[in-house]
Amino acid sequence: MLNGHATHHRQHSVLASHPAGRPCTDPSCPCPSRTPDNGHAARNGRPADRYEAWMIDTRHYQLVPDPDTPDVPAGISLSVPILRKRTLREATPAAVWSSVLNLMDSALELGIASDGMAPADNDS
């Protein structure tokens, strides 16, 4: 997602079965849940979000608890002074990049571009 290759969130959960390949009936087992969480349901198939890196002072770095389970952190507080903000990925590729990527895909499919190098001029 961050490197720009995926334009949409996946539609299905990655974990389709128990990691050990067997059903787990033990409710105290720490194995991951096979049902998607609320975050996955909210992002299911939607376009990619904008990602930013925020530099904040360590004095302002505060964990925010999950309202349902106060002992479990849910993230960090966003109500802090931001020293620097840098965009890592835009929400959608700019139109010019989309057209360039489409041209590159077409060239690769036709065999015109294979290694990113221009063909040598052998006429001289």
Foldseek 3Di string as FASTA:
>chain_A
DLVQPDFADAQADPPQDWPVRDDDPDPVDPTDDNDDDPVCVVRRGGTAAWDKDFDADPVQWAFAADPVDRVHTPGTDPPGDTPDMGTRDHRGDDPVVVVVVVVVVVCVVVVNDDPPDHDDDPPD
